Protein backbone atom coordinates (compact mmCIF):
# COMPACT_ATOMS: atom_id res chain seq x y z
CA MET A 1 4.82 13.34 -28.48
CA GLY A 2 1.09 13.08 -29.26
CA TRP A 3 -1.67 15.26 -27.96
CA SER A 4 -2.41 15.00 -24.26
CA LEU A 5 -5.44 13.11 -23.04
CA ALA A 6 -6.99 16.40 -21.87
CA ARG A 7 -6.64 18.02 -25.32
CA GLN A 8 -8.00 14.95 -27.09
CA LEU A 9 -10.97 14.86 -24.73
CA LEU A 10 -11.57 18.60 -25.25
CA LEU A 11 -11.60 18.23 -29.03
CA LEU A 12 -13.82 15.17 -28.79
CA GLN A 13 -16.28 16.97 -26.54
CA LEU A 14 -16.32 20.06 -28.75
CA ALA A 15 -16.88 17.93 -31.85
CA GLY A 16 -19.70 16.11 -30.09
CA ILE A 17 -21.31 19.35 -28.96
CA VAL A 18 -21.06 20.87 -32.45
CA VAL A 19 -22.57 17.76 -34.02
CA LEU A 20 -25.38 17.59 -31.47
CA VAL A 21 -26.17 21.30 -31.74
CA GLY A 22 -26.01 21.11 -35.55
CA VAL A 23 -28.24 18.07 -35.77
CA GLY A 24 -30.64 19.52 -33.20
CA SER A 25 -30.80 22.83 -35.03
CA GLY A 26 -31.35 21.11 -38.38
CA LEU A 27 -34.17 18.99 -36.99
CA ALA A 28 -35.69 22.05 -35.36
CA TRP A 29 -35.47 23.95 -38.66
CA LEU A 30 -37.15 21.10 -40.54
CA GLU A 31 -39.85 20.89 -37.88
CA ALA A 32 -40.43 24.66 -38.01
CA ALA A 33 -40.61 24.61 -41.83
CA ARG A 34 -43.09 21.73 -41.73
CA ALA A 35 -45.18 23.49 -39.12
CA ILE A 36 -45.28 26.71 -41.17
CA ASP A 37 -46.23 24.80 -44.34
CA ASP A 38 -49.00 22.96 -42.49
CA GLN A 39 -50.26 26.18 -40.95
CA ALA A 40 -50.23 27.97 -44.32
CA ARG A 41 -51.97 25.05 -46.03
CA ASN A 42 -54.70 24.94 -43.39
CA GLU A 43 -55.09 28.71 -43.55
CA VAL A 44 -55.53 28.93 -47.33
CA VAL A 45 -57.94 25.98 -47.32
CA ALA A 46 -60.00 27.59 -44.58
CA VAL A 47 -60.13 30.98 -46.33
CA ALA A 48 -60.92 29.38 -49.70
CA ARG A 49 -63.77 27.34 -48.25
CA THR A 50 -65.16 30.35 -46.43
CA VAL A 51 -65.17 32.39 -49.64
CA ALA A 52 -66.62 29.52 -51.70
CA ASP A 53 -69.44 29.01 -49.19
CA ALA A 54 -70.42 32.69 -49.12
CA PRO A 55 -73.96 33.16 -50.67
CA SER A 56 -72.87 36.40 -52.31
CA VAL A 57 -70.18 34.57 -54.23
CA LEU A 58 -72.66 31.95 -55.51
CA ALA A 59 -75.07 34.70 -56.54
CA ALA A 60 -72.38 36.81 -58.23
CA VAL A 61 -70.88 34.00 -60.34
CA GLY A 62 -74.34 33.36 -61.75
CA GLY A 63 -74.93 37.06 -62.57
CA PRO A 64 -74.05 39.04 -65.69
CA TYR A 65 -71.13 41.02 -64.12
CA PRO A 66 -69.32 38.77 -61.59
CA THR A 67 -66.18 40.91 -61.34
CA ALA A 68 -68.02 44.02 -60.21
CA ALA A 69 -69.49 42.21 -57.20
CA LEU A 70 -66.64 39.81 -56.41
CA GLN A 71 -63.47 41.97 -56.73
CA PRO A 72 -64.25 44.31 -53.80
CA PHE A 73 -65.37 41.36 -51.68
CA ALA A 74 -62.25 39.29 -52.47
CA GLU A 75 -59.89 42.21 -51.74
CA ARG A 76 -61.60 42.93 -48.42
CA VAL A 77 -61.30 39.28 -47.35
CA ARG A 78 -57.66 39.14 -48.55
CA LEU A 79 -56.71 42.14 -46.47
CA ASP A 80 -58.57 40.80 -43.42
CA THR A 81 -56.95 37.32 -43.59
CA SER A 82 -53.42 38.44 -44.64
CA VAL A 83 -53.28 36.05 -47.59
CA ASP A 84 -51.52 37.16 -50.75
CA PHE A 85 -54.25 36.50 -53.31
CA ILE A 86 -57.87 35.39 -53.63
CA THR A 87 -58.84 34.45 -57.15
CA ILE A 88 -62.43 33.56 -58.08
CA MET A 89 -62.73 32.02 -61.57
CA ASN A 90 -65.09 30.09 -63.78
CA LEU A 91 -64.60 26.44 -64.65
CA ASP A 92 -62.41 27.38 -67.61
CA GLY A 93 -59.97 29.18 -65.29
CA VAL A 94 -60.92 32.72 -66.38
CA ARG A 95 -60.32 35.04 -63.44
CA TYR A 96 -63.15 37.16 -61.98
CA THR A 97 -60.87 38.61 -59.25
CA HIS A 98 -57.15 39.17 -58.73
CA PRO A 99 -54.95 41.45 -56.50
CA ASP A 100 -53.64 42.92 -59.75
CA PRO A 101 -56.71 44.25 -61.64
CA ALA A 102 -54.78 43.95 -64.90
CA ALA A 103 -54.74 40.17 -64.46
CA ILE A 104 -58.54 39.95 -64.28
CA GLY A 105 -59.90 38.15 -67.32
CA GLY A 106 -56.72 36.13 -67.77
CA ARG A 107 -56.43 32.45 -67.19
CA PHE A 108 -55.47 31.05 -63.77
CA LEU A 109 -51.99 29.51 -63.63
CA GLY A 110 -52.22 26.23 -61.78
CA ASN A 111 -54.04 22.94 -61.58
CA THR A 112 -57.83 22.94 -61.28
CA ALA A 113 -58.93 19.48 -62.42
CA ALA A 114 -59.39 18.10 -58.88
CA ALA A 115 -61.40 21.14 -57.79
CA ILE A 116 -63.67 20.86 -60.87
CA ARG A 117 -64.42 17.31 -59.71
CA GLY A 118 -65.54 18.73 -56.36
CA GLN A 119 -62.33 18.09 -54.39
CA VAL A 120 -60.07 20.42 -52.44
CA LEU A 121 -56.65 20.86 -54.06
CA THR A 122 -53.51 22.18 -52.29
CA GLU A 123 -50.17 22.70 -54.04
CA THR A 124 -47.08 24.86 -54.34
CA TYR A 125 -47.05 26.53 -57.71
CA THR A 126 -45.44 29.52 -59.43
CA GLY A 127 -48.06 31.94 -60.68
CA THR A 128 -48.17 35.59 -61.60
CA LEU A 129 -47.11 36.59 -58.04
CA GLY A 130 -44.29 34.03 -57.87
CA PRO A 131 -44.10 30.71 -55.97
CA SER A 132 -46.95 30.29 -53.51
CA MET A 133 -48.74 27.81 -51.30
CA ARG A 134 -52.30 27.71 -52.66
CA ALA A 135 -55.62 25.93 -52.23
CA VAL A 136 -58.31 25.58 -54.94
CA VAL A 137 -61.86 24.68 -53.81
CA PRO A 138 -65.12 24.39 -55.79
CA VAL A 139 -68.15 26.72 -55.54
CA VAL A 140 -71.19 24.45 -55.47
CA ASP A 141 -74.78 25.55 -56.19
CA GLN A 142 -77.88 24.27 -54.43
CA ALA A 143 -78.13 21.37 -56.90
CA GLY A 144 -74.61 20.21 -55.99
CA ARG A 145 -73.03 21.27 -59.23
CA VAL A 146 -69.62 22.95 -59.38
CA VAL A 147 -70.26 26.36 -60.95
CA ALA A 148 -66.99 28.20 -60.14
CA LEU A 149 -63.63 27.88 -58.38
CA VAL A 150 -61.90 29.82 -55.58
CA ALA A 151 -58.10 29.90 -55.27
CA VAL A 152 -56.38 31.34 -52.18
CA GLY A 153 -52.60 31.53 -51.83
CA ILE A 154 -49.72 32.74 -49.65
CA LYS A 155 -46.39 33.52 -51.29
CA ILE A 156 -43.41 31.32 -50.40
CA SER A 157 -41.38 34.42 -49.66
CA ALA A 158 -43.81 35.30 -46.87
CA LEU A 159 -43.51 31.80 -45.45
CA SER A 160 -39.70 32.04 -45.60
CA ALA A 161 -39.79 35.33 -43.73
CA GLU A 162 -41.95 33.79 -41.02
CA LEU A 163 -39.59 30.80 -40.83
CA ALA A 164 -36.62 33.15 -40.46
CA GLU A 165 -38.35 34.90 -37.56
CA ARG A 166 -38.80 31.54 -35.82
CA LEU A 167 -35.26 30.39 -36.51
CA LEU A 168 -33.59 33.44 -34.98
CA PRO A 169 -34.35 32.43 -31.35
CA LEU A 170 -33.57 28.82 -32.23
CA PHE A 171 -30.12 29.62 -33.56
CA SER A 172 -29.50 32.02 -30.67
CA ALA A 173 -30.26 29.20 -28.22
CA ALA A 174 -28.05 26.82 -30.22
CA LEU A 175 -25.14 29.27 -30.06
CA ALA A 176 -25.67 29.68 -26.32
CA VAL A 177 -25.66 25.91 -25.83
CA LEU A 178 -22.52 25.67 -27.95
CA ALA A 179 -20.81 28.38 -25.90
CA VAL A 180 -21.79 26.83 -22.57
CA GLY A 181 -20.74 23.39 -23.76
CA GLY A 182 -17.42 24.74 -25.01
CA VAL A 183 -16.67 26.50 -21.72
CA GLY A 184 -17.68 23.41 -19.75
CA SER A 185 -15.48 21.20 -21.92
CA TRP A 186 -12.58 23.59 -21.47
CA LEU A 187 -12.95 23.52 -17.68
CA ILE A 188 -13.19 19.72 -17.64
CA SER A 189 -10.16 19.53 -19.91
CA GLY A 190 -8.20 21.78 -17.57
CA ARG A 191 -9.13 19.63 -14.57
CA LEU A 192 -8.17 16.46 -16.46
CA ARG A 193 -4.90 18.06 -17.60
CA ARG A 194 -3.98 18.82 -13.99
CA GLU A 195 -4.91 15.32 -12.83
CA THR A 196 -3.03 13.57 -15.66
CA ARG A 197 -0.10 16.03 -15.62
CA GLY A 198 -0.63 16.72 -19.32
CA LEU A 199 0.35 13.21 -20.39
CA ALA A 200 -0.80 11.62 -23.62
CA PRO A 201 -2.78 8.33 -23.53
CA ALA A 202 0.25 6.33 -24.66
CA GLU A 203 2.35 7.93 -21.94
CA LEU A 204 -0.33 7.26 -19.33
CA SER A 205 -0.51 3.64 -20.47
CA SER A 206 3.27 3.34 -20.26
CA VAL A 207 3.37 4.89 -16.78
CA PHE A 208 0.57 2.64 -15.56
CA ALA A 209 2.25 -0.44 -17.02
CA SER A 210 5.53 0.54 -15.34
CA TYR A 211 3.83 1.07 -11.99
CA GLU A 212 1.94 -2.18 -12.34
CA ALA A 213 5.11 -4.09 -13.20
CA THR A 214 6.99 -2.46 -10.32
CA LEU A 215 4.29 -3.23 -7.78
CA HIS A 216 4.17 -6.87 -8.78
CA ALA A 217 7.93 -7.28 -9.14
CA VAL A 218 9.01 -6.15 -5.68
CA ARG A 219 9.36 -8.87 -3.06
CA GLU A 220 7.83 -6.73 -0.33
CA GLY A 221 4.09 -6.99 0.00
CA LEU A 222 1.89 -4.00 -0.79
CA VAL A 223 -1.83 -3.91 -0.01
CA LEU A 224 -4.20 -0.98 -0.48
CA VAL A 225 -7.21 -1.14 1.83
CA ALA A 226 -10.22 1.15 1.26
CA PRO A 227 -11.86 2.91 4.23
CA ASP A 228 -14.63 0.28 4.26
CA GLY A 229 -12.09 -2.56 4.53
CA ARG A 230 -12.17 -3.66 0.88
CA ILE A 231 -8.87 -4.56 -0.77
CA THR A 232 -8.27 -2.42 -3.85
CA LEU A 233 -4.76 -3.65 -4.66
CA CYS A 234 -2.65 -6.63 -3.60
CA ASN A 235 0.65 -7.27 -5.35
CA ASP A 236 2.29 -10.65 -5.91
CA GLY A 237 4.62 -10.18 -2.95
CA ALA A 238 1.71 -9.65 -0.56
CA ARG A 239 -0.16 -12.67 -1.93
CA ASP A 240 2.92 -14.82 -1.39
CA LEU A 241 3.59 -13.50 2.12
CA LEU A 242 -0.05 -13.93 3.15
CA GLY A 243 -0.32 -17.37 1.54
CA LEU A 244 -3.17 -16.38 -0.79
CA ASP A 245 -3.93 -18.44 -3.90
CA ALA A 246 -6.57 -16.19 -5.48
CA ASN A 247 -6.42 -12.45 -6.04
CA PRO A 248 -8.25 -10.86 -3.07
CA GLU A 249 -8.88 -7.52 -4.77
CA GLY A 250 -12.48 -6.44 -4.28
CA GLY A 251 -12.94 -8.61 -1.20
CA HIS A 252 -12.92 -7.59 2.45
CA VAL A 253 -9.87 -7.91 4.68
CA SER A 254 -11.89 -9.97 7.16
CA ALA A 255 -12.33 -12.64 4.45
CA LEU A 256 -8.57 -13.29 4.28
CA ASP A 257 -7.23 -16.44 5.91
CA VAL A 258 -4.90 -14.49 8.23
CA PRO A 259 -4.80 -14.00 12.01
CA ALA A 260 -7.45 -11.63 13.33
CA ALA A 261 -4.81 -9.30 14.78
CA LEU A 262 -3.19 -8.91 11.34
CA ALA A 263 -6.53 -8.19 9.64
CA GLU A 264 -7.37 -5.63 12.32
CA ALA A 265 -3.99 -3.91 11.92
CA MET A 266 -4.46 -3.65 8.14
CA CYS A 267 -7.72 -1.72 8.64
CA ASP A 268 -6.73 0.36 11.67
CA VAL A 269 -6.86 4.12 11.23
CA ALA A 270 -3.85 4.59 13.51
CA PRO A 271 -0.49 3.99 11.77
CA ARG A 272 1.45 0.85 12.61
CA ILE A 273 5.27 0.91 12.49
CA ASP A 274 7.45 -2.23 12.27
CA GLU A 275 4.81 -4.35 13.95
CA ILE A 276 5.50 -8.09 14.12
CA HIS A 277 2.74 -10.54 13.13
CA VAL A 278 2.99 -14.31 12.96
CA THR A 279 1.00 -16.30 10.39
CA ASP A 280 0.93 -20.04 9.91
CA THR A 281 4.08 -19.99 7.81
CA ARG A 282 5.79 -16.63 8.22
CA VAL A 283 6.83 -13.86 10.56
CA LEU A 284 5.80 -10.55 8.99
CA VAL A 285 6.81 -6.96 9.72
CA LEU A 286 3.84 -4.69 9.06
CA ASN A 287 3.73 -0.94 8.44
CA THR A 288 0.58 1.04 7.65
CA ALA A 289 -0.07 4.63 6.68
CA ARG A 290 -3.36 6.45 6.12
CA VAL A 291 -3.75 8.03 2.68
CA ARG A 292 -5.64 11.27 2.26
CA ALA A 293 -5.97 13.05 -1.08
CA GLY A 294 -8.08 15.73 -2.69
CA GLN A 295 -8.19 19.16 -4.30
CA ARG A 296 -7.45 22.34 -2.44
CA ASP A 297 -11.05 23.45 -2.61
CA GLN A 298 -12.42 20.05 -1.58
CA GLY A 299 -10.34 19.19 1.46
CA ASN A 300 -8.67 15.87 2.06
CA VAL A 301 -10.63 12.72 1.32
CA ASP A 302 -9.85 9.50 3.18
CA GLN A 303 -8.51 6.97 0.68
CA GLY A 304 -7.83 4.14 3.15
CA ASN A 305 -4.59 2.43 4.21
CA VAL A 306 -1.35 1.60 2.45
CA VAL A 307 -0.04 -1.61 4.03
CA THR A 308 3.51 -2.85 3.47
CA LEU A 309 4.63 -6.32 4.53
CA ARG A 310 8.19 -7.63 4.87
CA ASP A 311 9.23 -11.20 5.48
CA HIS A 312 10.91 -11.49 8.88
CA THR A 313 10.88 -15.30 8.96
CA ASP A 314 14.44 -16.00 7.85
CA LEU A 315 15.78 -13.19 10.00
CA GLN A 316 13.90 -14.48 13.02
CA LEU A 317 15.18 -18.02 12.46
CA LEU A 318 18.72 -16.76 12.00
CA THR A 319 18.34 -14.72 15.16
CA GLY A 320 17.27 -17.86 17.00
CA GLU A 321 20.28 -19.73 15.67
CA LEU A 322 22.53 -16.83 16.60
CA ASN A 323 21.09 -16.71 20.10
CA THR A 324 21.66 -20.45 20.45
CA THR A 325 25.24 -20.14 19.21
CA ARG A 326 25.82 -17.16 21.47
CA GLY A 327 24.41 -19.07 24.42
CA LEU A 328 26.68 -22.00 23.65
CA ALA A 329 29.66 -19.64 23.37
CA GLU A 330 28.76 -18.03 26.68
CA ALA A 331 28.42 -21.47 28.25
CA LEU A 332 31.82 -22.47 26.90
CA ARG A 333 33.31 -19.23 28.22
CA SER A 334 31.77 -19.88 31.60
CA GLN A 335 33.01 -23.46 31.61
CA ALA A 336 36.46 -22.30 30.58
CA HIS A 337 36.45 -19.84 33.47
CA GLU A 338 35.33 -22.55 35.90
CA ALA A 339 37.88 -24.97 34.45
CA ALA A 340 40.59 -22.39 35.04
CA ASN A 341 39.49 -22.02 38.66
CA ARG A 342 39.49 -25.79 39.14
CA LEU A 343 42.91 -26.05 37.50
CA HIS A 344 44.29 -23.40 39.86
CA THR A 345 42.82 -25.38 42.77
CA VAL A 346 44.46 -28.60 41.58
CA VAL A 347 47.79 -26.82 41.05
CA SER A 348 47.60 -25.26 44.48
CA LEU A 349 46.92 -28.66 46.13
CA VAL A 350 49.92 -30.14 44.33
CA GLU A 351 52.14 -27.26 45.41
CA LEU A 352 50.97 -27.79 48.99
CA GLY A 353 52.18 -31.36 48.77
CA ARG A 354 48.72 -32.92 48.72
CA PRO A 355 48.64 -34.74 45.37
CA ALA A 356 46.10 -37.33 46.47
CA GLU A 357 43.50 -34.68 47.30
CA ALA A 358 44.31 -32.90 44.04
CA ILE A 359 43.63 -36.07 42.07
CA GLU A 360 40.40 -36.73 43.98
CA PHE A 361 39.16 -33.17 43.43
CA ALA A 362 39.98 -33.21 39.71
CA THR A 363 38.35 -36.59 39.21
CA ALA A 364 35.15 -35.53 41.01
CA GLU A 365 34.85 -32.30 39.02
CA LEU A 366 35.50 -34.13 35.75
CA ALA A 367 32.76 -36.66 36.54
CA VAL A 368 30.23 -33.93 37.32
CA ALA A 369 31.07 -31.96 34.20
CA GLN A 370 31.08 -35.00 31.96
CA GLU A 371 27.93 -36.64 33.28
CA LEU A 372 25.37 -34.48 31.44
CA THR A 373 27.47 -34.39 28.29
CA ASP A 374 27.67 -38.16 28.25
CA ARG A 375 23.92 -38.46 28.81
CA VAL A 376 23.09 -36.02 26.03
CA VAL A 377 25.51 -37.53 23.53
CA GLY A 378 24.51 -41.05 24.50
CA ALA A 379 20.79 -40.44 24.27
CA VAL A 380 20.69 -37.95 21.36
CA SER A 381 22.86 -38.65 18.35
CA GLU A 382 21.16 -35.97 16.25
CA PRO A 383 23.93 -33.32 16.23
CA VAL A 384 21.65 -30.26 16.04
CA LEU A 385 19.57 -31.33 19.02
CA ALA A 386 22.62 -32.48 20.97
CA ALA A 387 24.43 -29.17 20.50
CA LEU A 388 21.29 -27.23 21.37
CA LEU A 389 20.69 -29.22 24.56
CA LEU A 390 24.31 -28.90 25.69
CA GLY A 391 24.23 -25.15 25.14
CA LYS A 392 20.93 -24.75 26.95
CA ALA A 393 22.16 -26.99 29.81
CA ALA A 394 25.20 -24.78 30.31
CA GLU A 395 23.04 -21.65 30.18
CA ALA A 396 20.57 -23.13 32.67
CA HIS A 397 23.42 -24.11 35.01
CA GLU A 398 24.68 -20.53 34.97
CA ARG A 399 21.20 -19.26 35.89
CA GLY A 400 20.79 -21.77 38.70
CA VAL A 401 18.44 -24.14 36.88
CA GLU A 402 19.01 -27.85 36.43
CA LEU A 403 18.31 -29.03 32.88
CA ASP A 404 18.07 -32.79 32.60
CA LEU A 405 16.92 -35.46 30.13
CA THR A 406 14.23 -37.95 31.00
CA GLU A 407 15.06 -41.64 31.07
CA ASP A 408 13.02 -42.38 27.90
CA THR A 409 14.97 -39.86 25.83
CA ALA A 410 16.41 -41.80 22.92
CA LEU A 411 16.85 -40.24 19.55
CA GLY A 412 18.84 -42.10 16.95
CA ASP A 413 20.30 -40.81 13.74
CA LEU A 414 17.36 -38.66 12.61
CA ASP A 415 17.44 -37.71 8.96
CA VAL A 416 16.59 -34.01 9.11
CA HIS A 417 15.23 -34.02 5.57
CA GLY A 418 11.97 -34.65 7.32
CA VAL A 419 12.37 -31.72 9.73
CA GLU A 420 14.79 -28.88 9.07
CA PRO A 421 17.41 -28.08 11.73
CA ARG A 422 16.07 -24.53 11.92
CA ALA A 423 12.68 -25.87 12.94
CA LEU A 424 14.28 -27.96 15.71
CA ILE A 425 16.14 -24.92 17.00
CA THR A 426 12.97 -22.78 16.84
CA ILE A 427 10.74 -25.31 18.59
CA LEU A 428 13.03 -26.80 21.24
CA GLY A 429 15.08 -23.64 21.79
CA ASN A 430 12.06 -21.43 22.51
CA LEU A 431 10.37 -24.07 24.67
CA VAL A 432 13.52 -24.56 26.77
CA ASP A 433 14.09 -20.79 27.07
CA ASN A 434 10.53 -20.27 28.30
CA ALA A 435 10.84 -23.26 30.64
CA ILE A 436 14.05 -21.88 32.20
CA ASP A 437 12.40 -18.50 32.75
CA ALA A 438 9.29 -20.15 34.20
CA ALA A 439 11.33 -22.38 36.53
CA ILE A 440 13.23 -19.36 37.87
CA GLU A 441 10.01 -17.38 38.43
CA GLY A 442 8.43 -20.28 40.31
CA ALA A 443 11.53 -21.15 42.35
CA GLY A 444 10.03 -19.86 45.59
CA GLU A 445 6.85 -21.91 45.23
CA HIS A 446 8.46 -25.38 44.96
CA ASP A 447 10.91 -27.34 47.06
CA GLY A 448 14.28 -28.13 45.58
CA ARG A 449 16.24 -26.62 42.76
CA PRO A 450 14.39 -25.18 39.70
CA THR A 451 14.36 -27.92 37.09
CA VAL A 452 13.63 -28.33 33.38
CA LEU A 453 13.09 -31.82 31.99
CA VAL A 454 13.48 -32.49 28.26
CA THR A 455 12.33 -35.52 26.31
CA ALA A 456 13.29 -36.18 22.68
CA LYS A 457 12.35 -39.41 20.98
CA VAL A 458 10.79 -40.98 17.91
CA GLN A 459 7.50 -42.70 18.61
CA ALA A 460 5.01 -44.13 16.10
CA GLY A 461 6.56 -42.28 13.15
CA GLU A 462 6.58 -38.97 14.99
CA LEU A 463 9.31 -36.84 16.50
CA VAL A 464 8.20 -36.19 20.10
CA LEU A 465 9.69 -33.22 21.94
CA ARG A 466 8.52 -32.64 25.49
CA VAL A 467 9.65 -29.83 27.81
CA ALA A 468 8.47 -29.64 31.43
CA ASP A 469 9.37 -27.08 34.08
CA THR A 470 8.80 -26.57 37.80
CA GLY A 471 7.28 -23.12 37.32
CA ARG A 472 3.80 -21.86 38.04
CA GLY A 473 2.20 -23.33 34.93
CA ILE A 474 -0.06 -21.64 32.37
CA PRO A 475 -3.35 -20.14 33.60
CA ASP A 476 -6.41 -21.91 32.23
CA THR A 477 -7.75 -18.61 30.89
CA ALA A 478 -4.65 -18.24 28.71
CA ARG A 479 -4.70 -21.69 27.09
CA ASN A 480 -6.18 -20.33 23.84
CA GLU A 481 -3.84 -17.33 23.69
CA VAL A 482 -0.49 -18.80 24.65
CA PHE A 483 0.58 -19.46 21.03
CA GLN A 484 -0.60 -16.10 19.73
CA ARG A 485 1.87 -13.35 19.04
CA GLY A 486 2.10 -10.91 21.96
CA TRP A 487 1.15 -13.29 24.79
CA SER A 488 3.76 -13.24 27.52
CA THR A 489 4.15 -13.09 31.29
CA LYS A 490 6.99 -10.59 30.80
CA SER A 491 6.91 -6.88 30.04
CA GLN A 492 7.20 -5.69 26.44
CA GLU A 493 10.68 -4.44 25.57
CA GLY A 494 12.34 -3.43 22.36
CA PRO A 495 10.82 -3.18 18.91
CA VAL A 496 9.77 -6.81 18.90
CA GLY A 497 9.40 -7.50 22.58
CA HIS A 498 8.41 -10.70 24.28
CA GLY A 499 5.52 -12.94 23.31
CA LEU A 500 7.05 -14.08 20.03
CA GLY A 501 8.78 -17.32 21.01
CA LEU A 502 5.70 -19.49 21.56
CA ALA A 503 4.06 -17.95 18.49
CA LEU A 504 7.07 -19.09 16.43
CA VAL A 505 6.81 -22.53 18.01
CA GLY A 506 3.16 -22.76 16.99
CA GLN A 507 4.01 -21.56 13.49
CA ALA A 508 6.76 -24.17 13.04
CA VAL A 509 4.50 -26.94 14.32
CA ARG A 510 1.72 -25.96 11.91
CA ARG A 511 4.18 -25.80 9.02
CA TYR A 512 5.06 -29.47 9.54
CA ARG A 513 1.42 -30.41 10.14
CA GLY A 514 2.22 -31.38 13.70
CA ARG A 515 0.41 -30.69 16.93
CA ILE A 516 1.31 -29.30 20.30
CA ASP A 517 -0.29 -30.12 23.65
CA LEU A 518 -0.13 -28.13 26.87
CA VAL A 519 -0.91 -29.42 30.34
CA ASN A 520 -0.10 -28.24 33.85
CA SER A 521 1.58 -30.84 36.03
CA GLY A 522 3.54 -29.12 38.78
CA GLY A 523 4.42 -26.64 36.06
CA ALA A 524 3.84 -26.31 32.32
CA VAL A 525 4.40 -29.36 30.13
CA PHE A 526 4.62 -28.74 26.37
CA THR A 527 4.52 -31.79 24.08
CA VAL A 528 5.24 -31.36 20.36
CA ARG A 529 4.57 -34.15 17.86
CA LEU A 530 5.92 -33.77 14.34
CA PRO A 531 5.13 -36.42 11.72
CA LEU A 532 8.25 -37.75 10.01
CA LEU A 533 8.64 -39.15 6.54
CA ARG A 534 8.85 -42.92 6.69
CA GLU A 535 12.29 -42.88 5.16
CA ALA A 536 13.36 -40.12 7.55
CA VAL A 537 13.52 -42.48 10.54
CA ARG A 538 16.27 -45.14 10.58
């Protein structure tokens, strides 16, 4: 296993700090050395010019004994200015003065040609006192002639000592910066090691790739929503369930093409548990949880919502089919019970010696029972719709509601490749269920028996399903909400509750690019029009 990311970062930071401190110190050393050289050069030039311009020096070099007058003067100036030597010489380089009296009369070691020409010369040269920074300037008489030379120098060793004095604080500061940087890097490395659990970069990359693959492989939808409503993660399952073509990451939840109630739930601070939401194509179960994270010394920081989505569409459709089958089974059970009662009545009449009345009673009951079945089978040859209508008719009869077909109901052999049987069960089953409930609730407000009228026919290339009841109708204020999930005239019960049936109807109609109309005419009248494929109608 390679080094952890924290250790690699620590070493990288330490290397960077060492390089920066080293380069900075080197540049500072070069700058200090240059400054000392410039200062020394300016100092020796200034002292040399001052000595050369002194009238006593001009007078002495023209006298018979220059050394006697110039040596004390040069030594006094040398001590006052802290230079290492002041040498006054003639144009041939013979010394009149020197810090070492034994060197007086000897020749000056160094270049003098530029000074003889009247220029100021500065150079580093090794003389009798060792390497030195020196300046040689001319002594000019009143006629402008160069009559002597003055050399002033400072030993390199003295300059090095001064440079060392300057570098001591510099290197002390560099070591302090290095120590502070090292401690800071160590603390940052420790924090990073705790956050990354000591994993190496390759391991972190592998973990991230695994998480990324897992998030996008699961069928359930996962959406991370920041506190400001921005989407920070949306896996493939969520994009499929929400019907999104583009990746919404970075955008706001309100920009999604989803119902407003679903968008609001995704951003809500309060947790949502197994909440049902209906989109144009799916029934979704939503769960949300608030995420808070942070260090012990920082407190929890709000990270937003984790939203999970599960597809409830197939389950809801299967539940509708199961309810329809169960209703049909209950109707058959009820009819079997009634048939048994009628049979006992017929048997009893025969035993009483009244066969004619027994035959009349049996024939009348058979006609009543067979009438609706014959009408449904005769008018609707589509087996799914026929079975559904027969089951709902039996259920309505049990609840005291008359379910009947209108005279214009005529549905031939409909090829359900245009409309799936599940969609027919969802649309017509929920509409009839709601109509039966509405007819029962409004029974006291209308004369006669509660009634539900159903129309099913093909008209102008469309499958037309119409359900009318004798209930109270839909309030005008609720027209825009009736097909939204949660709208209902009944109380909410169970984990799903009421208010889902009409939402599923609206969803199925939108899926087949149909339309649904609602009017009040003695009760609610729902008319669904689904476009059929041309080859779907025979």
